[in-house]
Amino acid sequence: MDAITLRKLPPHVAEAVRKRAAEQKTSLNRAVIGLLEESTSIAAGATKEERHELDALCGAWSPSEARNFDRALADLRRLDPDLWE
């Protein structure tokens, strides 16, 4: 198992980890691992859920419909140089 050393941990972060460990009645190490798993959406043995709500839309437009859509959005894709000065 890999070990990671954290340096210069901000005090508010350290306090949040301590609070979490106390609330869950667990070690600081387990609290940090839990927080890292949550923040990276990774959990031991978890499988990534496949979603299919938009499958019906994939490849549903004809080339003509896709061109018309792109034309309709052309103005929205244009950048105003004055806003970026």
N, C-alpha and C. Protein backbone atom coordinates (compact mmCIF):
# COMPACT_ATOMS: atom_id res chain seq x y z
N MET A 1 0.84 -1.17 0.00
CA MET A 1 0.00 0.00 0.00
C MET A 1 0.89 1.24 0.00
N ASP A 2 0.56 2.21 -0.82
CA ASP A 2 1.35 3.43 -0.93
C ASP A 2 1.16 4.33 0.29
N ALA A 3 2.18 5.08 0.61
CA ALA A 3 2.12 6.07 1.68
C ALA A 3 2.34 7.45 1.07
N ILE A 4 1.60 8.42 1.55
CA ILE A 4 1.72 9.79 1.07
C ILE A 4 1.94 10.69 2.28
N THR A 5 2.92 11.57 2.19
CA THR A 5 3.18 12.53 3.26
C THR A 5 2.67 13.89 2.82
N LEU A 6 1.89 14.53 3.67
CA LEU A 6 1.38 15.87 3.38
C LEU A 6 2.16 16.88 4.20
N ARG A 7 2.62 17.92 3.54
CA ARG A 7 3.34 18.99 4.23
C ARG A 7 2.56 20.29 4.10
N LYS A 8 2.72 21.14 5.08
CA LYS A 8 2.09 22.46 5.08
C LYS A 8 0.57 22.38 4.90
N LEU A 9 -0.03 21.41 5.59
CA LEU A 9 -1.48 21.26 5.55
C LEU A 9 -2.12 22.48 6.22
N PRO A 10 -2.98 23.19 5.52
CA PRO A 10 -3.61 24.37 6.12
C PRO A 10 -4.36 23.99 7.40
N PRO A 11 -4.29 24.82 8.41
CA PRO A 11 -4.93 24.50 9.69
C PRO A 11 -6.42 24.19 9.57
N HIS A 12 -7.13 24.92 8.72
CA HIS A 12 -8.58 24.65 8.59
C HIS A 12 -8.85 23.28 7.97
N VAL A 13 -7.95 22.82 7.11
CA VAL A 13 -8.10 21.50 6.51
C VAL A 13 -7.81 20.43 7.56
N ALA A 14 -6.75 20.62 8.30
CA ALA A 14 -6.40 19.67 9.37
C ALA A 14 -7.54 19.56 10.37
N GLU A 15 -8.13 20.69 10.72
CA GLU A 15 -9.24 20.68 11.67
C GLU A 15 -10.46 19.95 11.10
N ALA A 16 -10.73 20.15 9.82
CA ALA A 16 -11.85 19.46 9.18
C ALA A 16 -11.64 17.95 9.19
N VAL A 17 -10.41 17.52 8.96
CA VAL A 17 -10.10 16.08 8.98
C VAL A 17 -10.28 15.54 10.39
N ARG A 18 -9.77 16.27 11.38
CA ARG A 18 -9.93 15.84 12.78
C ARG A 18 -11.41 15.73 13.15
N LYS A 19 -12.18 16.72 12.73
CA LYS A 19 -13.62 16.73 13.02
C LYS A 19 -14.29 15.52 12.38
N ARG A 20 -13.95 15.27 11.13
CA ARG A 20 -14.53 14.14 10.40
C ARG A 20 -14.18 12.82 11.10
N ALA A 21 -12.93 12.67 11.49
CA ALA A 21 -12.49 11.45 12.17
C ALA A 21 -13.25 11.27 13.48
N ALA A 22 -13.43 12.36 14.23
CA ALA A 22 -14.16 12.28 15.50
C ALA A 22 -15.62 11.91 15.27
N GLU A 23 -16.24 12.54 14.28
CA GLU A 23 -17.66 12.26 13.98
C GLU A 23 -17.86 10.80 13.59
N GLN A 24 -16.92 10.26 12.83
CA GLN A 24 -17.04 8.88 12.35
C GLN A 24 -16.38 7.88 13.28
N LYS A 25 -15.81 8.40 14.37
CA LYS A 25 -15.11 7.54 15.33
C LYS A 25 -14.10 6.63 14.62
N THR A 26 -13.25 7.28 13.83
CA THR A 26 -12.25 6.56 13.05
C THR A 26 -10.91 7.28 13.18
N SER A 27 -9.88 6.69 12.62
CA SER A 27 -8.55 7.30 12.67
C SER A 27 -8.45 8.46 11.68
N LEU A 28 -7.45 9.31 11.89
CA LEU A 28 -7.19 10.39 10.94
C LEU A 28 -6.88 9.81 9.56
N ASN A 29 -6.12 8.73 9.53
CA ASN A 29 -5.76 8.10 8.27
C ASN A 29 -7.01 7.66 7.50
N ARG A 30 -7.92 6.98 8.19
CA ARG A 30 -9.15 6.53 7.51
C ARG A 30 -10.02 7.71 7.09
N ALA A 31 -10.04 8.76 7.89
CA ALA A 31 -10.81 9.94 7.53
C ALA A 31 -10.26 10.59 6.26
N VAL A 32 -8.94 10.69 6.17
CA VAL A 32 -8.31 11.28 4.98
C VAL A 32 -8.58 10.41 3.76
N ILE A 33 -8.44 9.10 3.90
CA ILE A 33 -8.71 8.20 2.77
C ILE A 33 -10.16 8.35 2.32
N GLY A 34 -11.09 8.41 3.26
CA GLY A 34 -12.50 8.60 2.90
C GLY A 34 -12.74 9.89 2.16
N LEU A 35 -12.13 10.97 2.62
CA LEU A 35 -12.28 12.26 1.96
C LEU A 35 -11.69 12.24 0.55
N LEU A 36 -10.53 11.60 0.41
CA LEU A 36 -9.91 11.51 -0.92
C LEU A 36 -10.77 10.67 -1.86
N GLU A 37 -11.32 9.57 -1.36
CA GLU A 37 -12.20 8.75 -2.20
C GLU A 37 -13.42 9.54 -2.64
N GLU A 38 -14.02 10.27 -1.72
CA GLU A 38 -15.20 11.08 -2.06
C GLU A 38 -14.86 12.16 -3.09
N SER A 39 -13.75 12.83 -2.88
CA SER A 39 -13.40 13.93 -3.78
C SER A 39 -12.99 13.46 -5.17
N THR A 40 -12.57 12.22 -5.27
CA THR A 40 -12.18 11.69 -6.58
C THR A 40 -13.22 10.72 -7.12
N SER A 41 -14.34 10.59 -6.42
CA SER A 41 -15.43 9.69 -6.81
C SER A 41 -14.96 8.26 -6.96
N ILE A 42 -14.01 7.87 -6.15
CA ILE A 42 -13.50 6.51 -6.19
C ILE A 42 -13.76 5.87 -4.84
N ALA A 43 -14.34 4.72 -4.84
CA ALA A 43 -14.53 3.97 -3.60
C ALA A 43 -14.08 2.54 -3.83
N ALA A 44 -13.57 1.93 -2.80
CA ALA A 44 -13.08 0.56 -2.92
C ALA A 44 -14.20 -0.34 -3.42
N GLY A 45 -13.95 -1.02 -4.51
CA GLY A 45 -14.93 -1.96 -5.06
C GLY A 45 -16.07 -1.30 -5.81
N ALA A 46 -16.08 0.01 -5.90
CA ALA A 46 -17.17 0.70 -6.59
C ALA A 46 -16.99 0.56 -8.09
N THR A 47 -18.09 0.43 -8.77
CA THR A 47 -18.06 0.39 -10.23
C THR A 47 -18.70 1.66 -10.75
N LYS A 48 -18.21 2.12 -11.85
CA LYS A 48 -18.75 3.34 -12.44
C LYS A 48 -20.09 3.02 -13.09
N GLU A 49 -21.09 3.81 -12.74
CA GLU A 49 -22.43 3.60 -13.28
C GLU A 49 -22.49 4.11 -14.72
N GLU A 50 -22.97 3.26 -15.61
CA GLU A 50 -23.14 3.69 -17.00
C GLU A 50 -24.48 4.37 -17.13
N ARG A 51 -24.51 5.47 -17.84
CA ARG A 51 -25.74 6.21 -18.05
C ARG A 51 -26.10 6.12 -19.52
N HIS A 52 -27.39 6.05 -19.82
CA HIS A 52 -27.83 5.88 -21.21
C HIS A 52 -28.96 6.83 -21.60
N GLU A 53 -29.21 7.86 -20.80
CA GLU A 53 -30.34 8.75 -21.09
C GLU A 53 -30.24 9.45 -22.44
N LEU A 54 -29.03 9.70 -22.89
CA LEU A 54 -28.86 10.47 -24.13
C LEU A 54 -28.51 9.60 -25.34
N ASP A 55 -28.51 8.29 -25.15
CA ASP A 55 -28.13 7.39 -26.24
C ASP A 55 -28.98 7.60 -27.49
N ALA A 56 -30.26 7.87 -27.32
CA ALA A 56 -31.15 8.03 -28.47
C ALA A 56 -30.78 9.24 -29.32
N LEU A 57 -30.07 10.20 -28.73
CA LEU A 57 -29.69 11.40 -29.47
C LEU A 57 -28.40 11.23 -30.26
N CYS A 58 -27.60 10.26 -29.90
CA CYS A 58 -26.31 10.05 -30.57
C CYS A 58 -26.53 9.62 -32.01
N GLY A 59 -26.03 10.42 -32.91
CA GLY A 59 -26.14 10.09 -34.33
C GLY A 59 -27.55 10.24 -34.88
N ALA A 60 -28.43 10.93 -34.15
CA ALA A 60 -29.82 11.03 -34.57
C ALA A 60 -30.05 12.12 -35.62
N TRP A 61 -29.15 13.10 -35.71
CA TRP A 61 -29.33 14.17 -36.67
C TRP A 61 -28.75 13.79 -38.02
N SER A 62 -29.43 14.24 -39.04
CA SER A 62 -28.89 14.08 -40.39
C SER A 62 -27.78 15.12 -40.56
N PRO A 63 -26.92 14.95 -41.55
CA PRO A 63 -25.89 15.97 -41.79
C PRO A 63 -26.49 17.36 -42.00
N SER A 64 -27.64 17.42 -42.65
CA SER A 64 -28.30 18.70 -42.89
C SER A 64 -28.76 19.33 -41.58
N GLU A 65 -29.33 18.53 -40.69
CA GLU A 65 -29.77 19.05 -39.39
C GLU A 65 -28.58 19.54 -38.56
N ALA A 66 -27.48 18.82 -38.62
CA ALA A 66 -26.28 19.21 -37.88
C ALA A 66 -25.75 20.55 -38.40
N ARG A 67 -25.72 20.72 -39.72
CA ARG A 67 -25.26 21.99 -40.31
C ARG A 67 -26.18 23.14 -39.89
N ASN A 68 -27.49 22.91 -39.93
CA ASN A 68 -28.44 23.95 -39.52
C ASN A 68 -28.25 24.34 -38.06
N PHE A 69 -28.00 23.36 -37.23
CA PHE A 69 -27.76 23.62 -35.80
C PHE A 69 -26.49 24.44 -35.62
N ASP A 70 -25.43 24.05 -36.32
CA ASP A 70 -24.17 24.80 -36.24
C ASP A 70 -24.35 26.24 -36.71
N ARG A 71 -25.11 26.42 -37.78
CA ARG A 71 -25.36 27.78 -38.28
C ARG A 71 -26.13 28.60 -37.25
N ALA A 72 -27.11 27.98 -36.60
CA ALA A 72 -27.93 28.68 -35.61
C ALA A 72 -27.09 29.12 -34.41
N LEU A 73 -26.04 28.38 -34.10
CA LEU A 73 -25.19 28.71 -32.96
C LEU A 73 -23.97 29.55 -33.32
N ALA A 74 -23.79 29.83 -34.58
CA ALA A 74 -22.58 30.54 -35.03
C ALA A 74 -22.39 31.86 -34.30
N ASP A 75 -23.45 32.64 -34.13
CA ASP A 75 -23.33 33.93 -33.44
C ASP A 75 -22.92 33.75 -31.98
N LEU A 76 -23.38 32.68 -31.37
CA LEU A 76 -23.05 32.44 -29.97
C LEU A 76 -21.59 32.04 -29.79
N ARG A 77 -20.98 31.52 -30.83
CA ARG A 77 -19.59 31.07 -30.75
C ARG A 77 -18.59 32.18 -31.07
N ARG A 78 -19.09 33.31 -31.57
CA ARG A 78 -18.23 34.43 -31.91
C ARG A 78 -17.80 35.17 -30.66
N LEU A 79 -16.54 35.48 -30.56
CA LEU A 79 -16.03 36.23 -29.41
C LEU A 79 -15.98 37.71 -29.73
N ASP A 80 -16.32 38.52 -28.74
CA ASP A 80 -16.23 39.96 -28.87
C ASP A 80 -14.85 40.38 -28.36
N PRO A 81 -13.93 40.79 -29.25
CA PRO A 81 -12.57 41.13 -28.83
C PRO A 81 -12.53 42.21 -27.75
N ASP A 82 -13.50 43.13 -27.76
CA ASP A 82 -13.51 44.21 -26.76
C ASP A 82 -13.70 43.66 -25.35
N LEU A 83 -14.37 42.55 -25.23
CA LEU A 83 -14.60 41.96 -23.91
C LEU A 83 -13.35 41.28 -23.36
N TRP A 84 -12.36 41.04 -24.22
CA TRP A 84 -11.17 40.29 -23.81
C TRP A 84 -9.93 41.17 -23.71
N GLU A 85 -10.13 42.48 -23.69
CA GLU A 85 -8.99 43.39 -23.58
C GLU A 85 -8.65 43.65 -22.14
